[in-house]
């Protein structure tokens, strides 16, 4: 069985994935070097994916180093937080909205994420990916971005696989570098688009209708998904007084529709296909071997999967750590209604790259994964814990 790790996007919410990976490293045998021959990430999930794939050593060591990065994360490590920098980019963005020619030849956005490029360049060893593939430690690694020219979802992957083309999405084999990561995490309007060759790309979660697709195309038989969405069963309507939605609340829903909804929808489709495969009758089969051969020849295949997602709404956690944001960012978010009363905490959660918030999400991810320890052990074929 070939296992793939799929990490979805979500800005600062991706700290939750680190907590799950920390728990997973503790559950798996200490000698486990790489439990995921295929690693796929999108947006901030791509950063975590490449951080795992682009470092040598045992899986437990790589997870520990990734945790150290996130536990000491500050917004200034991701984007410029000085008031002048934010104001300058705000003016540029406003001018581009009023005059289309202003944005030609330059990528305009609210925030300058140059610090992120420096952080990733110092941490990720891209050459290790190629070395790991040559040694057979890895089969493939992919990161997804959106082509602004065509609107298609493009999965850039490194590995010995064929390229693929489907409706509104395709896979391109290439050597991954910092440009692919910056493109995949370029949230529209917030971070600038990234040029790769002659085309501009943005956040991979946009237009990614099938986020599990890259892992399947790269040969996965089972998928381990770490999401960043709030548990749907925990979301309930309240009787609080209603008010018209703030700009931040609307932006938050737009971001959620890109980063979260597609993953949940694709998982539902996968479950439906698995159920269809399980209940499909076998005709004219006299032996178990014949039945097995017919199942193998079918275009439908059962894909075992396990998804770990937050048990506590991340939006609620973000409300408690709004004060950690840099003053310049808080001023902007308050202006668009990203406050508890304005209902815009969801938008805030994508930009809250600060220690208190990130550490709380790591703690939550670790607790949620440990709560599913037996399911994780069963997924990887390990013995039950004592």
Protein backbone atom coordinates (compact mmCIF):
# COMPACT_ATOMS: atom_id res chain seq x y z
CA UNK A 1 0.00 0.00 0.00
CA UNK A 2 1.26 3.46 -0.93
CA UNK A 3 0.31 6.14 1.58
CA UNK A 4 -0.01 9.84 0.74
CA UNK A 5 -0.04 12.79 3.10
CA UNK A 6 -2.41 15.56 2.01
CA UNK A 7 -2.13 18.95 3.71
CA UNK A 8 -4.74 21.59 2.88
CA UNK A 9 -4.24 25.35 2.96
CA UNK A 10 -5.36 27.91 5.48
CA UNK A 11 -2.68 30.49 6.30
CA UNK A 12 -1.82 30.49 10.01
CA UNK A 13 -4.38 27.72 10.54
CA UNK A 14 -1.73 25.33 9.16
CA UNK A 15 -0.13 25.34 12.63
CA UNK A 16 -2.82 22.78 13.49
CA UNK A 17 -1.23 20.37 11.01
CA UNK A 18 2.05 20.58 12.91
CA UNK A 19 0.36 19.35 16.08
CA UNK A 20 -1.10 16.37 14.23
CA UNK A 21 2.28 15.54 12.70
CA UNK A 22 3.86 15.79 16.16
CA UNK A 23 1.39 13.24 17.54
CA UNK A 24 1.82 11.02 14.49
CA UNK A 25 5.60 11.00 14.97
CA UNK A 26 5.05 9.91 18.57
CA UNK A 27 2.61 7.13 17.63
CA UNK A 28 4.71 5.69 14.81
CA UNK A 29 7.81 3.62 15.64
CA UNK A 30 10.82 5.72 16.57
CA UNK A 31 12.74 4.19 13.67
CA UNK A 32 10.14 5.33 11.12
CA UNK A 33 12.01 7.34 8.50
CA UNK A 34 9.24 8.38 6.12
CA UNK A 35 5.69 7.01 6.52
CA UNK A 36 4.52 8.97 3.46
CA UNK A 37 6.09 8.06 0.09
CA UNK A 38 3.80 10.70 -1.47
CA UNK A 39 3.44 14.16 0.06
CA UNK A 40 1.00 16.73 -1.36
CA UNK A 41 0.35 20.23 -0.06
CA UNK A 42 -1.56 23.33 -1.02
CA UNK A 43 -1.01 26.91 0.14
CA UNK A 44 0.30 26.91 3.74
CA UNK A 45 -0.09 23.13 3.62
CA UNK A 46 2.47 23.11 0.81
CA UNK A 47 4.93 24.85 3.12
CA UNK A 48 4.48 22.13 5.74
CA UNK A 49 4.64 19.44 3.05
CA UNK A 50 7.92 20.70 1.65
CA UNK A 51 9.27 21.26 5.16
CA UNK A 52 8.76 17.54 5.81
CA UNK A 53 9.93 16.35 2.39
CA UNK A 54 12.77 18.85 2.10
CA UNK A 55 14.67 17.82 5.23
CA UNK A 56 16.77 14.71 5.87
CA UNK A 57 16.57 12.48 8.92
CA UNK A 58 13.91 10.43 10.75
CA UNK A 59 10.30 11.56 10.57
CA UNK A 60 10.24 12.31 14.29
CA UNK A 61 13.20 14.68 13.96
CA UNK A 62 11.67 16.48 10.98
CA UNK A 63 8.35 16.92 12.83
CA UNK A 64 10.21 18.30 15.85
CA UNK A 65 12.09 20.85 13.75
CA UNK A 66 8.90 21.94 12.00
CA UNK A 67 7.22 22.42 15.37
CA UNK A 68 10.10 24.59 16.55
CA UNK A 69 9.58 26.90 13.56
CA UNK A 70 5.85 27.30 14.18
CA UNK A 71 6.10 27.66 17.96
CA UNK A 72 8.32 30.71 17.52
CA UNK A 73 6.44 32.15 14.56
CA UNK A 74 5.73 35.87 14.32
CA UNK A 75 3.83 37.72 11.64
CA UNK A 76 6.99 39.61 10.75
CA UNK A 77 8.52 36.28 9.67
CA UNK A 78 5.77 35.93 7.04
CA UNK A 79 5.03 39.47 5.84
CA UNK A 80 6.08 43.05 6.42
CA UNK A 81 4.24 44.36 9.46
CA UNK A 82 5.59 47.92 9.64
CA UNK A 83 2.90 50.56 9.21
CA UNK A 84 4.64 52.15 6.21
CA UNK A 85 4.89 48.84 4.39
CA UNK A 86 1.21 48.02 4.92
CA UNK A 87 0.06 51.52 3.93
CA UNK A 88 2.24 51.54 0.81
CA UNK A 89 0.84 48.23 -0.39
CA UNK A 90 -2.70 49.34 0.43
CA UNK A 91 -2.24 52.44 -1.76
CA UNK A 92 -0.80 50.34 -4.60
CA UNK A 93 -3.67 47.90 -4.37
CA UNK A 94 -6.21 50.76 -4.39
CA UNK A 95 -4.58 52.37 -7.40
CA UNK A 96 -4.63 49.10 -9.33
CA UNK A 97 -8.36 48.79 -8.66
CA UNK A 98 -8.96 52.27 -10.08
CA UNK A 99 -6.52 51.97 -12.99
CA UNK A 100 -5.83 48.56 -14.51
CA UNK A 101 -2.56 49.68 -16.06
CA UNK A 102 -1.01 50.32 -12.66
CA UNK A 103 -0.82 46.60 -11.89
CA UNK A 104 0.75 45.60 -15.20
CA UNK A 105 4.30 44.37 -14.78
CA UNK A 106 4.08 44.10 -10.99
CA UNK A 107 2.20 41.93 -8.50
CA UNK A 108 0.10 44.05 -6.20
CA UNK A 109 -1.27 42.88 -2.85
CA UNK A 110 -2.08 44.09 0.63
CA UNK A 111 0.96 42.51 2.28
CA UNK A 112 4.58 42.01 1.23
CA UNK A 113 5.57 38.38 1.97
CA UNK A 114 9.28 38.74 1.20
CA UNK A 115 10.15 37.62 4.77
CA UNK A 116 8.41 34.29 4.09
CA UNK A 117 10.66 33.67 1.09
CA UNK A 118 13.73 34.27 3.25
CA UNK A 119 12.43 31.93 5.96
CA UNK A 120 11.67 29.10 3.55
CA UNK A 121 14.93 29.56 1.65
CA UNK A 122 16.91 29.12 4.86
CA UNK A 123 14.93 26.08 6.08
CA UNK A 124 13.92 23.86 3.15
CA UNK A 125 16.57 21.79 1.38
CA UNK A 126 15.08 21.36 -2.09
CA UNK A 127 18.02 19.24 -3.22
CA UNK A 128 17.09 16.65 -0.57
CA UNK A 129 13.81 15.96 -2.39
CA UNK A 130 15.66 14.82 -5.48
CA UNK A 131 18.10 12.79 -3.40
CA UNK A 132 15.26 11.10 -1.48
CA UNK A 133 13.47 10.19 -4.73
CA UNK A 134 16.68 8.71 -6.19
CA UNK A 135 17.16 6.63 -3.02
CA UNK A 136 13.55 5.43 -3.12
CA UNK A 137 12.66 7.13 0.18
CA UNK A 138 10.11 9.28 -1.66
CA UNK A 139 7.94 8.59 -4.69
CA UNK A 140 6.69 12.11 -5.33
CA UNK A 141 6.07 15.53 -3.80
CA UNK A 142 3.59 18.06 -5.16
CA UNK A 143 2.40 21.57 -4.54
CA UNK A 144 -0.62 23.13 -6.24
CA UNK A 145 -1.10 26.67 -7.52
CA UNK A 146 -3.68 28.46 -9.68
CA UNK A 147 -2.80 29.77 -13.13
CA UNK A 148 -4.22 33.31 -13.28
CA UNK A 149 -4.26 33.24 -17.09
CA UNK A 150 -6.34 30.08 -17.51
CA UNK A 151 -7.92 29.73 -14.07
CA UNK A 152 -6.75 26.11 -13.98
CA UNK A 153 -5.44 24.29 -10.94
CA UNK A 154 -1.84 23.26 -11.62
CA UNK A 155 -0.08 20.63 -9.51
CA UNK A 156 3.68 20.94 -9.83
CA UNK A 157 5.23 17.65 -8.81
CA UNK A 158 8.66 16.13 -8.50
CA UNK A 159 8.83 12.39 -9.13
CA UNK A 160 8.92 9.74 -11.83
CA UNK A 161 5.27 9.98 -12.88
CA UNK A 162 3.40 10.94 -15.99
CA UNK A 163 1.81 14.36 -16.31
CA UNK A 164 -1.97 14.44 -16.33
CA UNK A 165 -4.73 16.64 -17.70
CA UNK A 166 -8.30 16.75 -16.43
CA UNK A 167 -11.10 19.28 -16.50
CA UNK A 168 -9.70 22.56 -15.14
CA UNK A 169 -6.66 20.87 -13.60
CA UNK A 170 -3.42 19.24 -14.67
CA UNK A 171 -0.12 18.02 -13.29
CA UNK A 172 3.30 19.23 -14.44
CA UNK A 173 6.53 17.39 -13.61
CA UNK A 174 9.30 19.76 -12.61
CA UNK A 175 12.02 20.38 -10.08
CA UNK A 176 10.36 22.15 -7.16
CA UNK A 177 11.84 25.40 -5.87
CA UNK A 178 10.96 28.42 -3.78
CA UNK A 179 8.83 29.94 -6.57
CA UNK A 180 6.38 27.03 -6.46
CA UNK A 181 5.92 27.44 -2.71
CA UNK A 182 5.47 31.20 -2.91
CA UNK A 183 2.95 30.78 -5.74
CA UNK A 184 0.96 28.11 -3.91
CA UNK A 185 0.66 30.29 -0.78
CA UNK A 186 -0.12 33.60 -2.54
CA UNK A 187 -3.60 34.30 -1.16
CA UNK A 188 -5.32 36.62 -3.68
CA UNK A 189 -5.21 40.32 -2.77
CA UNK A 190 -3.38 39.52 0.49
CA UNK A 191 -0.08 38.19 -0.93
CA UNK A 192 1.32 38.98 -4.41
CA UNK A 193 1.03 36.55 -7.31
CA UNK A 194 4.21 34.69 -8.25
CA UNK A 195 5.72 34.36 -11.72
CA UNK A 196 6.88 30.91 -12.83
CA UNK A 197 8.46 31.06 -16.26
CA UNK A 198 6.12 33.41 -18.16
CA UNK A 199 2.89 32.84 -16.18
CA UNK A 200 1.58 34.19 -12.91
CA UNK A 201 0.20 31.89 -10.23
CA UNK A 202 -1.76 32.38 -7.04
CA UNK A 203 -2.89 30.39 -4.05
CA UNK A 204 -3.46 26.76 -4.96
CA UNK A 205 -6.66 26.45 -2.95
CA UNK A 206 -8.41 28.73 -5.41
CA UNK A 207 -10.16 26.69 -8.12
CA UNK A 208 -8.84 23.42 -6.63
CA UNK A 209 -12.03 21.43 -7.03
CA UNK A 210 -10.36 18.07 -6.29
CA UNK A 211 -7.69 18.54 -3.60
CA UNK A 212 -7.22 14.75 -3.22
CA UNK A 213 -6.63 14.32 -6.97
CA UNK A 214 -2.83 14.95 -7.03
CA UNK A 215 -2.22 12.20 -4.46
CA UNK A 216 -4.29 9.71 -6.48
CA UNK A 217 -2.59 10.63 -9.74
CA UNK A 218 0.78 10.11 -8.08
CA UNK A 219 -0.16 6.55 -7.13
CA UNK A 220 -1.63 6.69 -3.62
CA UNK A 221 -3.67 3.70 -2.41
CA UNK A 222 -4.57 5.35 0.88
CA UNK A 223 -4.63 8.95 2.03
CA UNK A 224 -3.92 10.64 5.35
CA UNK A 225 -5.57 14.08 5.31
CA UNK A 226 -4.98 16.85 7.82
CA UNK A 227 -7.61 19.55 7.41
CA UNK A 228 -7.99 22.93 9.05
CA UNK A 229 -11.78 23.25 8.92
CA UNK A 230 -14.01 23.46 11.95
CA UNK A 231 -15.81 20.22 12.74
CA UNK A 232 -19.23 20.60 11.03
CA UNK A 233 -20.97 18.89 13.95
CA UNK A 234 -19.71 21.64 16.27
CA UNK A 235 -21.15 24.47 14.17
CA UNK A 236 -24.57 25.58 15.33
CA UNK A 237 -26.72 28.61 14.74
CA UNK A 238 -27.17 30.98 17.66
CA UNK A 239 -29.97 33.28 18.73
CA UNK A 240 -27.64 36.27 18.95
CA UNK A 241 -28.90 39.55 17.44
CA UNK A 242 -28.35 39.66 13.68
CA UNK A 243 -26.58 42.39 11.78
CA UNK A 244 -25.48 42.88 8.20
CA UNK A 245 -22.24 41.03 7.40
CA UNK A 246 -19.02 43.00 7.66
CA UNK A 247 -16.46 43.03 4.85
CA UNK A 248 -14.22 40.78 6.96
CA UNK A 249 -17.06 38.32 7.50
CA UNK A 250 -17.65 38.09 3.76
CA UNK A 251 -13.91 37.75 3.08
CA UNK A 252 -13.74 35.02 5.71
CA UNK A 253 -16.46 33.02 3.98
CA UNK A 254 -14.72 33.46 0.62
CA UNK A 255 -11.47 32.18 2.09
CA UNK A 256 -13.25 29.27 3.77
CA UNK A 257 -14.91 28.31 0.49
CA UNK A 258 -11.49 28.07 -1.12
CA UNK A 259 -9.43 26.51 1.66
CA UNK A 260 -11.96 24.33 3.45
CA UNK A 261 -15.14 23.49 1.54
CA UNK A 262 -13.41 21.77 -1.40
CA UNK A 263 -11.55 19.36 0.91
CA UNK A 264 -14.74 18.38 2.72
CA UNK A 265 -16.58 17.97 -0.60
CA UNK A 266 -13.83 15.81 -2.10
CA UNK A 267 -13.77 13.61 1.01
CA UNK A 268 -17.53 13.09 0.69
CA UNK A 269 -17.05 12.05 -2.94
CA UNK A 270 -14.30 9.63 -1.93
CA UNK A 271 -16.52 8.07 0.73
CA UNK A 272 -19.35 7.68 -1.79
CA UNK A 273 -17.04 5.95 -4.28
CA UNK A 274 -15.69 3.65 -1.57
CA UNK A 275 -19.22 2.70 -0.61
CA UNK A 276 -20.06 2.01 -4.24
CA UNK A 277 -17.00 -0.22 -4.61
CA UNK A 278 -17.85 -2.12 -1.42
CA UNK A 279 -21.45 -2.76 -2.42
CA UNK A 280 -20.84 -3.48 -6.12
CA UNK A 281 -22.10 -6.97 -7.00
CA UNK A 282 -19.78 -9.38 -8.77
CA UNK A 283 -21.36 -11.15 -11.73
CA UNK A 284 -20.32 -14.52 -13.06
CA UNK A 285 -17.57 -14.92 -10.50
CA UNK A 286 -16.93 -18.49 -9.44
CA UNK A 287 -13.88 -17.95 -7.30
CA UNK A 288 -12.43 -15.31 -5.01
CA UNK A 289 -9.51 -14.93 -7.41
CA UNK A 290 -11.81 -14.07 -10.32
CA UNK A 291 -13.66 -11.53 -8.19
CA UNK A 292 -10.37 -9.96 -7.16
CA UNK A 293 -9.22 -9.72 -10.78
CA UNK A 294 -12.45 -8.05 -11.84
CA UNK A 295 -12.16 -5.53 -9.01
CA UNK A 296 -8.58 -4.75 -10.02
CA UNK A 297 -9.66 -4.18 -13.63
CA UNK A 298 -12.42 -1.77 -12.63
CA UNK A 299 -11.77 1.98 -13.02
CA UNK A 300 -13.14 2.44 -9.50
CA UNK A 301 -10.82 1.61 -6.63
CA UNK A 302 -11.31 1.61 -2.88
CA UNK A 303 -9.08 4.26 -1.28
CA UNK A 304 -8.55 3.89 2.43
CA UNK A 305 -8.34 7.26 4.15
CA UNK A 306 -8.17 8.96 7.51
CA UNK A 307 -8.85 12.64 8.12
CA UNK A 308 -7.89 14.58 11.25
CA UNK A 309 -9.58 17.97 11.62
CA UNK A 310 -10.05 20.48 14.48
CA UNK A 311 -12.47 19.49 17.23
CA UNK A 312 -12.69 23.12 18.37
CA UNK A 313 -13.65 25.95 15.98
CA UNK A 314 -10.45 27.75 15.00
CA UNK A 315 -12.40 30.98 14.54
CA UNK A 316 -13.18 31.00 18.27
CA UNK A 317 -9.53 30.47 19.13
CA UNK A 318 -8.53 33.34 16.83
CA UNK A 319 -10.81 35.71 18.76
CA UNK A 320 -8.73 35.16 21.89
CA UNK A 321 -5.45 36.01 20.19
CA UNK A 322 -6.43 39.01 18.06
CA UNK A 323 -4.38 41.22 20.39
CA UNK A 324 -1.18 39.44 19.31
CA UNK A 325 -1.33 40.83 15.78
CA UNK A 326 0.96 43.74 14.82
CA UNK A 327 -0.65 47.15 15.26
CA UNK A 328 -0.68 47.88 11.52
CA UNK A 329 -2.55 44.65 10.74
CA UNK A 330 -5.00 45.15 13.62
CA UNK A 331 -5.87 48.62 12.31
CA UNK A 332 -6.66 47.21 8.88
CA UNK A 333 -8.67 44.25 10.20
CA UNK A 334 -10.68 46.48 12.54
CA UNK A 335 -11.43 48.78 9.60
CA UNK A 336 -13.03 45.93 7.66
CA UNK A 337 -14.83 44.50 10.69
CA UNK A 338 -12.56 41.58 11.59
CA UNK A 339 -13.56 41.68 15.25
CA UNK A 340 -15.63 39.41 17.48
CA UNK A 341 -18.65 41.67 17.18
CA UNK A 342 -18.12 42.07 13.43
CA UNK A 343 -18.04 38.33 12.87
CA UNK A 344 -14.74 38.52 11.01
CA UNK A 345 -12.56 36.29 13.17
CA UNK A 346 -12.35 33.75 10.35
CA UNK A 347 -10.41 36.22 8.19
CA UNK A 348 -8.20 37.01 11.18
CA UNK A 349 -7.28 33.34 11.65
CA UNK A 350 -5.54 33.25 8.26
CA UNK A 351 -3.12 36.05 9.21
CA UNK A 352 -2.51 35.29 12.89
CA UNK A 353 1.08 34.08 12.58
CA UNK A 354 1.87 34.71 16.25
CA UNK A 355 3.23 32.38 19.00
CA UNK A 356 0.15 32.25 21.23
CA UNK A 357 -2.25 31.34 18.42
CA UNK A 358 0.13 28.93 16.67
CA UNK A 359 1.01 27.13 19.90
CA UNK A 360 -2.66 26.76 20.77
CA UNK A 361 -3.36 25.21 17.36
CA UNK A 362 -0.36 22.87 17.72
CA UNK A 363 -1.73 21.80 21.10
CA UNK A 364 -5.18 21.23 19.60
CA UNK A 365 -3.81 19.25 16.66
CA UNK A 366 -1.75 17.06 18.98
CA UNK A 367 -4.75 16.39 21.25
CA UNK A 368 -7.07 15.61 18.32
CA UNK A 369 -4.58 13.16 16.81
CA UNK A 370 -3.88 11.42 20.11
CA UNK A 371 -7.64 11.07 20.61
CA UNK A 372 -7.64 9.04 17.39
CA UNK A 373 -4.53 7.03 18.22
CA UNK A 374 -6.24 3.68 17.74
CA UNK A 375 -7.59 4.76 14.34
CA UNK A 376 -4.12 5.95 13.34
CA UNK A 377 -2.57 2.67 14.46
CA UNK A 378 -5.16 0.71 12.48
CA UNK A 379 -4.57 2.92 9.42
CA UNK A 380 -0.82 2.20 9.47
CA UNK A 381 -1.24 -1.45 10.45
CA UNK A 382 0.34 -1.03 13.89
CA UNK A 383 -0.47 -3.00 16.98
CA UNK A 384 -2.96 -1.51 19.44
CA UNK A 385 -1.53 0.50 22.28
CA UNK A 386 -1.50 -1.01 25.76
